[in-house]
């Protein structure tokens, strides 16, 4: 691989990491409540909220300095990332939701009295497992949603449908070192 190609790969990866930092999974529950773009997710126009979303505007500002080739690479990476996140979420949903429910249904049919007695006697030990079985798929869903938001932000930028944030606001703490 030539030096020019490796530099391009490094630049794409650096820009990817900067984009990902704009959409942390942990902040999604707060955005659902506090972000005006979430309040606009009703009706037929699902774009209106996104074009004013500060994270999307920062992403557009970051992408503004990239070449078309870099943006195309980032778009493809975002699609692959969202697809992988969807596959992982489905696997987690099966393993953490479907299988435990199926097992509980089987046990309740086979030995309802024994299962009830076991659960009542061990509720303190079982409760954390139930919470983990509920929370883990939710966390993976949030990751999936954020992965899709990155892809959507890149698509909106490519479509020219979002006004980038001013460079200082966009690059502030997300600036990458060259």
C-alpha atoms as a PDB file:
ATOM      1  CA  UNK A   1       0.000   0.000   0.000  1.00  0.00           C
ATOM      2  CA  UNK A   2       1.362   3.421  -0.875  1.00  0.00           C
ATOM      3  CA  UNK A   3       1.889   6.207   1.622  1.00  0.00           C
ATOM      4  CA  UNK A   4      -0.908   8.237   0.012  1.00  0.00           C
ATOM      5  CA  UNK A   5      -3.379   5.373   0.375  1.00  0.00           C
ATOM      6  CA  UNK A   6      -2.414   4.716   4.005  1.00  0.00           C
ATOM      7  CA  UNK A   7      -2.736   8.420   4.782  1.00  0.00           C
ATOM      8  CA  UNK A   8      -6.223   8.387   3.274  1.00  0.00           C
ATOM      9  CA  UNK A   9      -7.140   5.333   5.347  1.00  0.00           C
ATOM     10  CA  UNK A  10      -5.806   7.045   8.471  1.00  0.00           C
ATOM     11  CA  UNK A  11      -7.741  10.220   7.662  1.00  0.00           C
ATOM     12  CA  UNK A  12     -10.959   8.280   7.057  1.00  0.00           C
ATOM     13  CA  UNK A  13     -10.512   6.384  10.319  1.00  0.00           C
ATOM     14  CA  UNK A  14      -9.740   9.594  12.213  1.00  0.00           C
ATOM     15  CA  UNK A  15     -12.858  11.266  10.791  1.00  0.00           C
ATOM     16  CA  UNK A  16     -14.925   8.134  11.551  1.00  0.00           C
ATOM     17  CA  UNK A  17     -13.837   8.228  15.204  1.00  0.00           C
ATOM     18  CA  UNK A  18     -14.755  11.924  15.364  1.00  0.00           C
ATOM     19  CA  UNK A  19     -18.217  11.191  13.937  1.00  0.00           C
ATOM     20  CA  UNK A  20     -18.794   8.307  16.343  1.00  0.00           C
ATOM     21  CA  UNK A  21     -17.885  10.539  19.299  1.00  0.00           C
ATOM     22  CA  UNK A  22     -20.767  12.822  18.329  1.00  0.00           C
ATOM     23  CA  UNK A  23     -23.301  10.024  18.896  1.00  0.00           C
ATOM     24  CA  UNK A  24     -22.482   8.265  22.191  1.00  0.00           C
ATOM     25  CA  UNK A  25     -24.813   5.416  23.136  1.00  0.00           C
ATOM     26  CA  UNK A  26     -25.068   6.506  26.773  1.00  0.00           C
ATOM     27  CA  UNK A  27     -26.658   9.852  25.836  1.00  0.00           C
ATOM     28  CA  UNK A  28     -29.483   8.437  23.706  1.00  0.00           C
ATOM     29  CA  UNK A  29     -32.030   8.160  26.560  1.00  0.00           C
ATOM     30  CA  UNK A  30     -31.397  11.832  27.380  1.00  0.00           C
ATOM     31  CA  UNK A  31     -31.804  12.807  23.725  1.00  0.00           C
ATOM     32  CA  UNK A  32     -35.151  10.985  23.570  1.00  0.00           C
ATOM     33  CA  UNK A  33     -36.416  13.315  26.285  1.00  0.00           C
ATOM     34  CA  UNK A  34     -34.419  16.520  25.833  1.00  0.00           C
ATOM     35  CA  UNK A  35     -33.686  16.810  22.119  1.00  0.00           C
ATOM     36  CA  UNK A  36     -36.203  18.776  20.045  1.00  0.00           C
ATOM     37  CA  UNK A  37     -35.452  16.430  17.130  1.00  0.00           C
ATOM     38  CA  UNK A  38     -37.065  13.607  19.112  1.00  0.00           C
ATOM     39  CA  UNK A  39     -40.185  15.661  19.660  1.00  0.00           C
ATOM     40  CA  UNK A  40     -40.553  16.011  15.899  1.00  0.00           C
ATOM     41  CA  UNK A  41     -40.607  12.265  15.235  1.00  0.00           C
ATOM     42  CA  UNK A  42     -44.284  12.119  14.507  1.00  0.00           C
ATOM     43  CA  UNK A  43     -46.147  12.462  11.261  1.00  0.00           C
ATOM     44  CA  UNK A  44     -44.731  12.004   7.786  1.00  0.00           C
ATOM     45  CA  UNK A  45     -41.689  14.307   7.949  1.00  0.00           C
ATOM     46  CA  UNK A  46     -38.965  12.487   9.854  1.00  0.00           C
ATOM     47  CA  UNK A  47     -36.249  14.686   8.389  1.00  0.00           C
ATOM     48  CA  UNK A  48     -37.297  18.037   9.907  1.00  0.00           C
ATOM     49  CA  UNK A  49     -36.066  17.145  13.373  1.00  0.00           C
ATOM     50  CA  UNK A  50     -32.782  15.759  12.116  1.00  0.00           C
ATOM     51  CA  UNK A  51     -31.791  18.793  10.045  1.00  0.00           C
ATOM     52  CA  UNK A  52     -31.862  20.935  13.186  1.00  0.00           C
ATOM     53  CA  UNK A  53     -30.301  18.349  15.494  1.00  0.00           C
ATOM     54  CA  UNK A  54     -27.029  19.723  16.936  1.00  0.00           C
ATOM     55  CA  UNK A  55     -25.270  16.367  16.584  1.00  0.00           C
ATOM     56  CA  UNK A  56     -26.228  16.082  12.914  1.00  0.00           C
ATOM     57  CA  UNK A  57     -25.143  19.674  12.288  1.00  0.00           C
ATOM     58  CA  UNK A  58     -21.774  18.997  13.967  1.00  0.00           C
ATOM     59  CA  UNK A  59     -21.373  15.861  11.855  1.00  0.00           C
ATOM     60  CA  UNK A  60     -22.090  17.876   8.718  1.00  0.00           C
ATOM     61  CA  UNK A  61     -19.473  20.435   9.733  1.00  0.00           C
ATOM     62  CA  UNK A  62     -16.922  17.665  10.233  1.00  0.00           C
ATOM     63  CA  UNK A  63     -17.797  16.182   6.849  1.00  0.00           C
ATOM     64  CA  UNK A  64     -17.565  19.598   5.186  1.00  0.00           C
ATOM     65  CA  UNK A  65     -13.790  19.406   5.121  1.00  0.00           C
ATOM     66  CA  UNK A  66     -13.678  15.879   3.713  1.00  0.00           C
ATOM     67  CA  UNK A  67     -13.231  14.889   0.097  1.00  0.00           C
ATOM     68  CA  UNK A  68     -16.098  13.229  -1.762  1.00  0.00           C
ATOM     69  CA  UNK A  69     -14.113   9.990  -1.709  1.00  0.00           C
ATOM     70  CA  UNK A  70     -13.735  10.166   2.077  1.00  0.00           C
ATOM     71  CA  UNK A  71     -17.447  10.890   2.562  1.00  0.00           C
ATOM     72  CA  UNK A  72     -18.339   7.965   0.284  1.00  0.00           C
ATOM     73  CA  UNK A  73     -16.054   5.706   2.344  1.00  0.00           C
ATOM     74  CA  UNK A  74     -17.582   6.984   5.581  1.00  0.00           C
ATOM     75  CA  UNK A  75     -21.084   6.406   4.216  1.00  0.00           C
ATOM     76  CA  UNK A  76     -20.220   2.822   3.363  1.00  0.00           C
ATOM     77  CA  UNK A  77     -18.601   2.328   6.782  1.00  0.00           C
ATOM     78  CA  UNK A  78     -21.707   3.743   8.465  1.00  0.00           C
ATOM     79  CA  UNK A  79     -23.966   1.364   6.530  1.00  0.00           C
ATOM     80  CA  UNK A  80     -21.778  -1.614   7.455  1.00  0.00           C
ATOM     81  CA  UNK A  81     -21.684  -0.451  11.064  1.00  0.00           C
ATOM     82  CA  UNK A  82     -25.475  -0.121  11.220  1.00  0.00           C
ATOM     83  CA  UNK A  83     -25.933  -3.533   9.611  1.00  0.00           C
ATOM     84  CA  UNK A  84     -23.545  -5.130  12.080  1.00  0.00           C
ATOM     85  CA  UNK A  85     -25.244  -3.368  15.001  1.00  0.00           C
ATOM     86  CA  UNK A  86     -28.599  -4.691  13.773  1.00  0.00           C
ATOM     87  CA  UNK A  87     -27.244  -8.229  13.571  1.00  0.00           C
ATOM     88  CA  UNK A  88     -25.757  -8.040  17.065  1.00  0.00           C
ATOM     89  CA  UNK A  89     -28.989  -6.573  18.436  1.00  0.00           C
ATOM     90  CA  UNK A  90     -30.997  -9.425  16.902  1.00  0.00           C
ATOM     91  CA  UNK A  91     -28.629 -12.001  18.377  1.00  0.00           C
ATOM     92  CA  UNK A  92     -28.821 -10.369  21.808  1.00  0.00           C
ATOM     93  CA  UNK A  93     -32.605 -10.152  21.578  1.00  0.00           C
ATOM     94  CA  UNK A  94     -32.826 -13.867  20.832  1.00  0.00           C
ATOM     95  CA  UNK A  95     -30.341 -14.852  23.529  1.00  0.00           C
ATOM     96  CA  UNK A  96     -31.525 -12.461  26.234  1.00  0.00           C
ATOM     97  CA  UNK A  97     -35.262 -12.340  25.543  1.00  0.00           C
ATOM     98  CA  UNK A  98     -36.585 -15.188  23.416  1.00  0.00           C
ATOM     99  CA  UNK A  99     -34.575 -18.038  24.916  1.00  0.00           C
ATOM    100  CA  UNK A 100     -35.248 -17.142  28.573  1.00  0.00           C
ATOM    101  CA  UNK A 101     -38.966 -16.683  27.898  1.00  0.00           C
ATOM    102  CA  UNK A 102     -39.096 -20.011  26.045  1.00  0.00           C
ATOM    103  CA  UNK A 103     -37.232 -21.736  28.889  1.00  0.00           C
ATOM    104  CA  UNK A 104     -39.516 -20.187  31.513  1.00  0.00           C
ATOM    105  CA  UNK A 105     -42.604 -21.252  29.517  1.00  0.00           C
ATOM    106  CA  UNK A 106     -41.266 -24.774  29.177  1.00  0.00           C
ATOM    107  CA  UNK A 107     -40.497 -25.045  32.886  1.00  0.00           C
ATOM    108  CA  UNK A 108     -43.844 -23.556  33.888  1.00  0.00           C
ATOM    109  CA  UNK A 109     -45.616 -26.164  31.751  1.00  0.00           C
ATOM    110  CA  UNK A 110     -43.457 -29.079  32.879  1.00  0.00           C
ATOM    111  CA  UNK A 111     -43.276 -28.306  36.587  1.00  0.00           C
ATOM    112  CA  UNK A 112     -45.350 -25.231  37.509  1.00  0.00           C
ATOM    113  CA  UNK A 113     -45.363 -25.867  41.250  1.00  0.00           C
ATOM    114  CA  UNK A 114     -41.637 -26.528  41.449  1.00  0.00           C
ATOM    115  CA  UNK A 115     -40.830 -23.481  39.324  1.00  0.00           C
ATOM    116  CA  UNK A 116     -43.029 -21.240  41.474  1.00  0.00           C
ATOM    117  CA  UNK A 117     -41.473 -22.573  44.686  1.00  0.00           C
ATOM    118  CA  UNK A 118     -37.951 -22.106  43.277  1.00  0.00           C
ATOM    119  CA  UNK A 119     -38.660 -18.519  42.145  1.00  0.00           C
ATOM    120  CA  UNK A 120     -40.260 -17.584  45.483  1.00  0.00           C
ATOM    121  CA  UNK A 121     -37.343 -19.065  47.422  1.00  0.00           C
ATOM    122  CA  UNK A 122     -34.683 -17.405  45.235  1.00  0.00           C
ATOM    123  CA  UNK A 123     -36.213 -14.104  44.167  1.00  0.00           C
ATOM    124  CA  UNK A 124     -33.228 -12.123  45.499  1.00  0.00           C
ATOM    125  CA  UNK A 125     -30.843 -14.147  43.357  1.00  0.00           C
ATOM    126  CA  UNK A 126     -33.113 -14.182  40.294  1.00  0.00           C
ATOM    127  CA  UNK A 127     -34.013 -10.457  40.238  1.00  0.00           C
ATOM    128  CA  UNK A 128     -30.553  -9.224  39.106  1.00  0.00           C
ATOM    129  CA  UNK A 129     -30.596 -11.761  36.271  1.00  0.00           C
ATOM    130  CA  UNK A 130     -34.026 -10.587  35.154  1.00  0.00           C
ATOM    131  CA  UNK A 131     -32.851  -6.955  35.226  1.00  0.00           C
ATOM    132  CA  UNK A 132     -29.768  -7.884  33.172  1.00  0.00           C
ATOM    133  CA  UNK A 133     -31.935  -9.776  30.698  1.00  0.00           C
ATOM    134  CA  UNK A 134     -34.053  -6.654  30.253  1.00  0.00           C
ATOM    135  CA  UNK A 135     -31.356  -3.957  30.299  1.00  0.00           C
ATOM    136  CA  UNK A 136     -28.826  -5.625  27.980  1.00  0.00           C
ATOM    137  CA  UNK A 137     -31.066  -5.671  24.877  1.00  0.00           C
ATOM    138  CA  UNK A 138     -32.061  -2.059  25.601  1.00  0.00           C
ATOM    139  CA  UNK A 139     -28.384  -1.041  25.602  1.00  0.00           C
ATOM    140  CA  UNK A 140     -27.807  -2.850  22.321  1.00  0.00           C
ATOM    141  CA  UNK A 141     -30.916  -1.199  20.855  1.00  0.00           C
ATOM    142  CA  UNK A 142     -29.512   2.216  21.807  1.00  0.00           C
ATOM    143  CA  UNK A 143     -26.251   1.295  20.072  1.00  0.00           C
ATOM    144  CA  UNK A 144     -28.175   0.222  16.980  1.00  0.00           C
ATOM    145  CA  UNK A 145     -30.129   3.483  16.928  1.00  0.00           C
ATOM    146  CA  UNK A 146     -26.939   5.535  17.257  1.00  0.00           C
ATOM    147  CA  UNK A 147     -25.285   3.527  14.475  1.00  0.00           C
ATOM    148  CA  UNK A 148     -28.235   4.356  12.243  1.00  0.00           C
ATOM    149  CA  UNK A 149     -28.083   8.018  13.270  1.00  0.00           C
ATOM    150  CA  UNK A 150     -24.478   8.199  12.084  1.00  0.00           C
ATOM    151  CA  UNK A 151     -25.514   6.795   8.685  1.00  0.00           C
ATOM    152  CA  UNK A 152     -28.491   9.173   8.514  1.00  0.00           C
ATOM    153  CA  UNK A 153     -26.302  12.164   9.386  1.00  0.00           C
ATOM    154  CA  UNK A 154     -23.881  11.306   6.581  1.00  0.00           C
ATOM    155  CA  UNK A 155     -26.789  10.836   4.141  1.00  0.00           C
ATOM    156  CA  UNK A 156     -28.318  14.185   5.124  1.00  0.00           C
ATOM    157  CA  UNK A 157     -24.956  15.876   4.618  1.00  0.00           C
ATOM    158  CA  UNK A 158     -24.551  14.244   1.183  1.00  0.00           C
ATOM    159  CA  UNK A 159     -28.081  15.302   0.231  1.00  0.00           C
ATOM    160  CA  UNK A 160     -27.276  18.890   1.188  1.00  0.00           C
ATOM    161  CA  UNK A 161     -30.214  18.839   3.571  1.00  0.00           C
ATOM    162  CA  UNK A 162     -28.519  20.066   6.730  1.00  0.00           C
ATOM    163  CA  UNK A 163     -26.825  23.346   7.563  1.00  0.00           C
ATOM    164  CA  UNK A 164     -23.491  22.556   9.206  1.00  0.00           C
ATOM    165  CA  UNK A 165     -22.804  23.965  12.652  1.00  0.00           C
ATOM    166  CA  UNK A 166     -20.218  26.721  12.726  1.00  0.00           C
ATOM    167  CA  UNK A 167     -16.722  25.179  12.644  1.00  0.00           C
ATOM    168  CA  UNK A 168     -15.801  26.182  16.188  1.00  0.00           C
ATOM    169  CA  UNK A 169     -19.000  24.679  17.601  1.00  0.00           C
ATOM    170  CA  UNK A 170     -18.636  21.566  15.492  1.00  0.00           C
ATOM    171  CA  UNK A 171     -14.983  20.932  16.096  1.00  0.00           C
ATOM    172  CA  UNK A 172     -14.777  22.070  19.719  1.00  0.00           C
ATOM    173  CA  UNK A 173     -14.086  19.014  21.853  1.00  0.00           C
ATOM    174  CA  UNK A 174     -14.412  16.619  18.913  1.00  0.00           C
ATOM    175  CA  UNK A 175     -11.508  18.065  16.956  1.00  0.00           C
ATOM    176  CA  UNK A 176      -8.988  15.521  15.838  1.00  0.00           C
ATOM    177  CA  UNK A 177      -5.266  16.074  16.002  1.00  0.00           C
ATOM    178  CA  UNK A 178      -3.424  16.043  12.737  1.00  0.00           C
END
